[in-house]
Amino acid sequence: MIKFIKGYIYTQIQTTKHKLWVSFYITKFCFKLIKRSLFHDLGKYRNREAKFFAKTIFKLKSSTYGSDEYTALLKEIEPAIKHHYSKNKHHPEFHKNGFSDMSIIDKLEMICDWKAATKRHHDGNINKSIEINQKRFNYTDKDKELLISITKELN
């Protein structure tokens, strides 16, 4: 009986330690995401990007993501777009091998960015954006399904 009680107490202590470590690692991810949220797109406030976005912001808002009109508007502000992509890890263009080089934190910030961007367009649709971007960034159907499942968690 004493052996059982010792085993029971030991199990409770080990389970508590395990639970605390899991909590530590989840919290670590959370802090990384919170930091990303606080620093997200700060470059757009600086003149190097802001002056370009100011020229097209209203046209971009009324355009359809992925359309020829949208693509032409991005071309007008290409210097700002290139600068922005080169400074922000949540864009596949930042990485040498695009989407496949992104960390899970990069991808989580990216999908939150895409979801937020749908709010800017009158016809924004995150699933449509994921579909368009699969061709653009050449990610797999499995990656596409993962991104869709993440957006379900955001709703």
C-alpha atoms as a PDB file:
ATOM      1  CA  MET A   1       0.000   0.000   0.000  1.00  0.00           C
ATOM      2  CA  ILE A   2       2.818   2.419   0.883  1.00  0.00           C
ATOM      3  CA  LYS A   3       4.455   1.701  -2.482  1.00  0.00           C
ATOM      4  CA  PHE A   4       1.146   2.580  -4.199  1.00  0.00           C
ATOM      5  CA  ILE A   5       0.822   5.872  -2.256  1.00  0.00           C
ATOM      6  CA  LYS A   6       4.424   6.816  -3.083  1.00  0.00           C
ATOM      7  CA  GLY A   7       3.754   5.975  -6.741  1.00  0.00           C
ATOM      8  CA  TYR A   8       0.548   8.013  -6.690  1.00  0.00           C
ATOM      9  CA  ILE A   9       2.263  11.061  -5.160  1.00  0.00           C
ATOM     10  CA  TYR A  10       5.209  10.731  -7.554  1.00  0.00           C
ATOM     11  CA  THR A  11       2.788  10.536 -10.536  1.00  0.00           C
ATOM     12  CA  GLN A  12       1.000  13.686  -9.354  1.00  0.00           C
ATOM     13  CA  ILE A  13       4.298  15.564  -8.999  1.00  0.00           C
ATOM     14  CA  GLN A  14       5.523  14.426 -12.441  1.00  0.00           C
ATOM     15  CA  THR A  15       2.188  15.290 -14.066  1.00  0.00           C
ATOM     16  CA  THR A  16       2.286  18.746 -12.468  1.00  0.00           C
ATOM     17  CA  LYS A  17       5.868  19.305 -13.691  1.00  0.00           C
ATOM     18  CA  HIS A  18       4.858  18.199 -17.195  1.00  0.00           C
ATOM     19  CA  LYS A  19       1.809  20.471 -17.127  1.00  0.00           C
ATOM     20  CA  LEU A  20       3.969  23.441 -16.084  1.00  0.00           C
ATOM     21  CA  TRP A  21       6.472  22.775 -18.884  1.00  0.00           C
ATOM     22  CA  VAL A  22       3.659  22.561 -21.451  1.00  0.00           C
ATOM     23  CA  SER A  23       2.276  25.827 -20.088  1.00  0.00           C
ATOM     24  CA  PHE A  24       5.752  27.397 -20.325  1.00  0.00           C
ATOM     25  CA  TYR A  25       6.139  26.446 -24.009  1.00  0.00           C
ATOM     26  CA  ILE A  26       2.625  27.525 -24.975  1.00  0.00           C
ATOM     27  CA  THR A  27       3.207  30.846 -23.206  1.00  0.00           C
ATOM     28  CA  LYS A  28       6.513  31.206 -25.055  1.00  0.00           C
ATOM     29  CA  PHE A  29       4.656  30.878 -28.384  1.00  0.00           C
ATOM     30  CA  CYS A  30       2.040  33.340 -27.164  1.00  0.00           C
ATOM     31  CA  PHE A  31       4.663  35.944 -26.297  1.00  0.00           C
ATOM     32  CA  LYS A  32       6.292  35.531 -29.700  1.00  0.00           C
ATOM     33  CA  LEU A  33       2.907  36.091 -31.350  1.00  0.00           C
ATOM     34  CA  ILE A  34       2.127  39.084 -29.116  1.00  0.00           C
ATOM     35  CA  LYS A  35       5.490  40.620 -30.027  1.00  0.00           C
ATOM     36  CA  ARG A  36       4.708  40.045 -33.716  1.00  0.00           C
ATOM     37  CA  SER A  37       1.301  41.694 -33.278  1.00  0.00           C
ATOM     38  CA  LEU A  38       2.845  44.774 -31.660  1.00  0.00           C
ATOM     39  CA  PHE A  39       5.543  45.196 -34.314  1.00  0.00           C
ATOM     40  CA  HIS A  40       3.416  44.133 -37.296  1.00  0.00           C
ATOM     41  CA  ASP A  41       3.727  46.468 -40.332  1.00  0.00           C
ATOM     42  CA  LEU A  42       5.463  49.296 -38.448  1.00  0.00           C
ATOM     43  CA  GLY A  43       7.339  50.106 -41.673  1.00  0.00           C
ATOM     44  CA  LYS A  44       4.082  51.283 -43.221  1.00  0.00           C
ATOM     45  CA  TYR A  45       4.162  54.254 -40.830  1.00  0.00           C
ATOM     46  CA  ARG A  46       7.564  55.364 -42.100  1.00  0.00           C
ATOM     47  CA  ASN A  47       7.842  57.645 -45.098  1.00  0.00           C
ATOM     48  CA  ARG A  48       9.659  55.069 -47.257  1.00  0.00           C
ATOM     49  CA  GLU A  49       6.443  53.027 -47.409  1.00  0.00           C
ATOM     50  CA  ALA A  50       3.695  55.378 -46.210  1.00  0.00           C
ATOM     51  CA  LYS A  51       4.006  57.886 -49.049  1.00  0.00           C
ATOM     52  CA  PHE A  52       3.360  55.119 -51.599  1.00  0.00           C
ATOM     53  CA  PHE A  53       0.461  53.504 -49.766  1.00  0.00           C
ATOM     54  CA  ALA A  54      -1.181  56.919 -49.302  1.00  0.00           C
ATOM     55  CA  LYS A  55      -1.421  57.264 -53.094  1.00  0.00           C
ATOM     56  CA  THR A  56      -3.382  54.054 -53.627  1.00  0.00           C
ATOM     57  CA  ILE A  57      -5.097  53.202 -50.340  1.00  0.00           C
ATOM     58  CA  PHE A  58      -8.615  54.123 -51.492  1.00  0.00           C
ATOM     59  CA  LYS A  59      -8.227  52.405 -54.856  1.00  0.00           C
ATOM     60  CA  LEU A  60      -6.841  49.279 -53.189  1.00  0.00           C
ATOM     61  CA  LYS A  61      -9.789  49.234 -50.792  1.00  0.00           C
ATOM     62  CA  SER A  62     -12.310  49.167 -53.633  1.00  0.00           C
ATOM     63  CA  SER A  63     -10.401  46.590 -55.691  1.00  0.00           C
ATOM     64  CA  THR A  64     -10.778  42.808 -55.615  1.00  0.00           C
ATOM     65  CA  TYR A  65      -7.807  40.942 -54.206  1.00  0.00           C
ATOM     66  CA  GLY A  66      -5.881  39.159 -56.946  1.00  0.00           C
ATOM     67  CA  SER A  67      -7.621  40.995 -59.790  1.00  0.00           C
ATOM     68  CA  ASP A  68      -5.779  42.706 -62.652  1.00  0.00           C
ATOM     69  CA  GLU A  69      -6.752  46.076 -61.131  1.00  0.00           C
ATOM     70  CA  TYR A  70      -5.301  45.054 -57.749  1.00  0.00           C
ATOM     71  CA  THR A  71      -2.076  43.820 -59.350  1.00  0.00           C
ATOM     72  CA  ALA A  72      -1.723  47.073 -61.342  1.00  0.00           C
ATOM     73  CA  LEU A  73      -2.153  49.103 -58.146  1.00  0.00           C
ATOM     74  CA  LEU A  74       0.589  47.102 -56.455  1.00  0.00           C
ATOM     75  CA  LYS A  75       2.821  47.782 -59.455  1.00  0.00           C
ATOM     76  CA  GLU A  76       2.294  51.548 -58.866  1.00  0.00           C
ATOM     77  CA  ILE A  77       3.696  51.214 -55.347  1.00  0.00           C
ATOM     78  CA  GLU A  78       6.301  48.554 -56.142  1.00  0.00           C
ATOM     79  CA  PRO A  79       9.211  50.285 -54.333  1.00  0.00           C
ATOM     80  CA  ALA A  80       7.243  50.294 -51.081  1.00  0.00           C
ATOM     81  CA  ILE A  81       6.012  46.730 -51.581  1.00  0.00           C
ATOM     82  CA  LYS A  82       9.520  45.400 -52.270  1.00  0.00           C
ATOM     83  CA  HIS A  83      10.887  47.251 -49.233  1.00  0.00           C
ATOM     84  CA  HIS A  84       8.036  45.980 -47.065  1.00  0.00           C
ATOM     85  CA  TYR A  85       8.496  42.360 -48.129  1.00  0.00           C
ATOM     86  CA  SER A  86      12.248  42.556 -47.567  1.00  0.00           C
ATOM     87  CA  LYS A  87      11.772  43.649 -43.936  1.00  0.00           C
ATOM     88  CA  ASN A  88       8.887  41.435 -42.790  1.00  0.00           C
ATOM     89  CA  LYS A  89       9.222  37.685 -42.156  1.00  0.00           C
ATOM     90  CA  HIS A  90       5.461  37.120 -42.349  1.00  0.00           C
ATOM     91  CA  HIS A  91       5.638  37.593 -46.130  1.00  0.00           C
ATOM     92  CA  PRO A  92       6.775  34.599 -48.195  1.00  0.00           C
ATOM     93  CA  GLU A  93       8.730  37.029 -50.417  1.00  0.00           C
ATOM     94  CA  PHE A  94      11.051  37.718 -47.454  1.00  0.00           C
ATOM     95  CA  HIS A  95      12.393  34.163 -47.566  1.00  0.00           C
ATOM     96  CA  LYS A  96      14.796  32.725 -50.128  1.00  0.00           C
ATOM     97  CA  ASN A  97      12.534  29.734 -50.786  1.00  0.00           C
ATOM     98  CA  GLY A  98       9.268  31.513 -50.042  1.00  0.00           C
ATOM     99  CA  PHE A  99       6.499  29.830 -48.070  1.00  0.00           C
ATOM    100  CA  SER A 100       8.490  26.630 -47.478  1.00  0.00           C
ATOM    101  CA  ASP A 101      11.164  28.552 -45.519  1.00  0.00           C
ATOM    102  CA  MET A 102       8.672  30.199 -43.171  1.00  0.00           C
ATOM    103  CA  SER A 103       8.455  29.200 -39.506  1.00  0.00           C
ATOM    104  CA  ILE A 104       5.134  28.352 -37.918  1.00  0.00           C
ATOM    105  CA  ILE A 105       5.164  31.781 -36.219  1.00  0.00           C
ATOM    106  CA  ASP A 106       5.745  33.462 -39.616  1.00  0.00           C
ATOM    107  CA  LYS A 107       2.825  31.508 -41.079  1.00  0.00           C
ATOM    108  CA  LEU A 108       0.511  32.307 -38.172  1.00  0.00           C
ATOM    109  CA  GLU A 109       1.252  36.017 -38.505  1.00  0.00           C
ATOM    110  CA  MET A 110       0.813  35.735 -42.276  1.00  0.00           C
ATOM    111  CA  ILE A 111      -2.619  34.113 -42.081  1.00  0.00           C
ATOM    112  CA  CYS A 112      -3.743  36.671 -39.485  1.00  0.00           C
ATOM    113  CA  ASP A 113      -2.489  39.383 -41.859  1.00  0.00           C
ATOM    114  CA  TRP A 114      -4.432  37.877 -44.764  1.00  0.00           C
ATOM    115  CA  LYS A 115      -7.569  37.531 -42.632  1.00  0.00           C
ATOM    116  CA  ALA A 116      -7.285  41.175 -41.520  1.00  0.00           C
ATOM    117  CA  ALA A 117      -6.683  42.265 -45.137  1.00  0.00           C
ATOM    118  CA  THR A 118     -10.026  40.764 -46.168  1.00  0.00           C
ATOM    119  CA  LYS A 119     -11.661  43.401 -43.940  1.00  0.00           C
ATOM    120  CA  ARG A 120     -10.236  46.128 -46.225  1.00  0.00           C
ATOM    121  CA  HIS A 121     -11.987  44.892 -49.354  1.00  0.00           C
ATOM    122  CA  HIS A 122     -15.725  45.070 -49.939  1.00  0.00           C
ATOM    123  CA  ASP A 123     -15.612  41.506 -51.293  1.00  0.00           C
ATOM    124  CA  GLY A 124     -12.810  40.128 -49.098  1.00  0.00           C
ATOM    125  CA  ASN A 125     -12.867  36.376 -48.552  1.00  0.00           C
ATOM    126  CA  ILE A 126     -10.103  34.563 -46.676  1.00  0.00           C
ATOM    127  CA  ASN A 127     -10.730  31.187 -48.337  1.00  0.00           C
ATOM    128  CA  LYS A 128     -10.557  32.803 -51.764  1.00  0.00           C
ATOM    129  CA  SER A 129      -7.322  34.561 -50.740  1.00  0.00           C
ATOM    130  CA  ILE A 130      -5.825  31.246 -49.597  1.00  0.00           C
ATOM    131  CA  GLU A 131      -6.780  29.712 -52.954  1.00  0.00           C
ATOM    132  CA  ILE A 132      -5.273  32.619 -54.951  1.00  0.00           C
ATOM    133  CA  ASN A 133      -2.128  32.577 -52.837  1.00  0.00           C
ATOM    134  CA  GLN A 134      -1.626  28.833 -53.298  1.00  0.00           C
ATOM    135  CA  LYS A 135      -0.865  29.536 -56.946  1.00  0.00           C
ATOM    136  CA  ARG A 136       1.129  32.654 -56.073  1.00  0.00           C
ATOM    137  CA  PHE A 137       3.311  31.010 -53.387  1.00  0.00           C
ATOM    138  CA  ASN A 138       3.207  27.413 -54.623  1.00  0.00           C
ATOM    139  CA  TYR A 139       2.186  25.747 -51.385  1.00  0.00           C
ATOM    140  CA  THR A 140       0.705  22.268 -51.190  1.00  0.00           C
ATOM    141  CA  ASP A 141      -2.923  21.265 -50.774  1.00  0.00           C
ATOM    142  CA  LYS A 142      -1.983  20.094 -47.281  1.00  0.00           C
ATOM    143  CA  ASP A 143      -0.628  23.586 -46.487  1.00  0.00           C
ATOM    144  CA  LYS A 144      -3.805  25.097 -47.920  1.00  0.00           C
ATOM    145  CA  GLU A 145      -5.970  22.906 -45.683  1.00  0.00           C
ATOM    146  CA  LEU A 146      -3.860  23.872 -42.658  1.00  0.00           C
ATOM    147  CA  LEU A 147      -4.303  27.575 -43.429  1.00  0.00           C
ATOM    148  CA  ILE A 148      -8.047  27.094 -43.829  1.00  0.00           C
ATOM    149  CA  SER A 149      -8.235  25.243 -40.507  1.00  0.00           C
ATOM    150  CA  ILE A 150      -6.332  28.067 -38.798  1.00  0.00           C
ATOM    151  CA  THR A 151      -8.806  30.630 -40.138  1.00  0.00           C
ATOM    152  CA  LYS A 152     -11.663  28.567 -38.706  1.00  0.00           C
ATOM    153  CA  GLU A 153     -10.045  29.013 -35.301  1.00  0.00           C
ATOM    154  CA  LEU A 154     -10.112  32.793 -35.864  1.00  0.00           C
ATOM    155  CA  ASN A 155     -13.877  32.878 -36.458  1.00  0.00           C
END
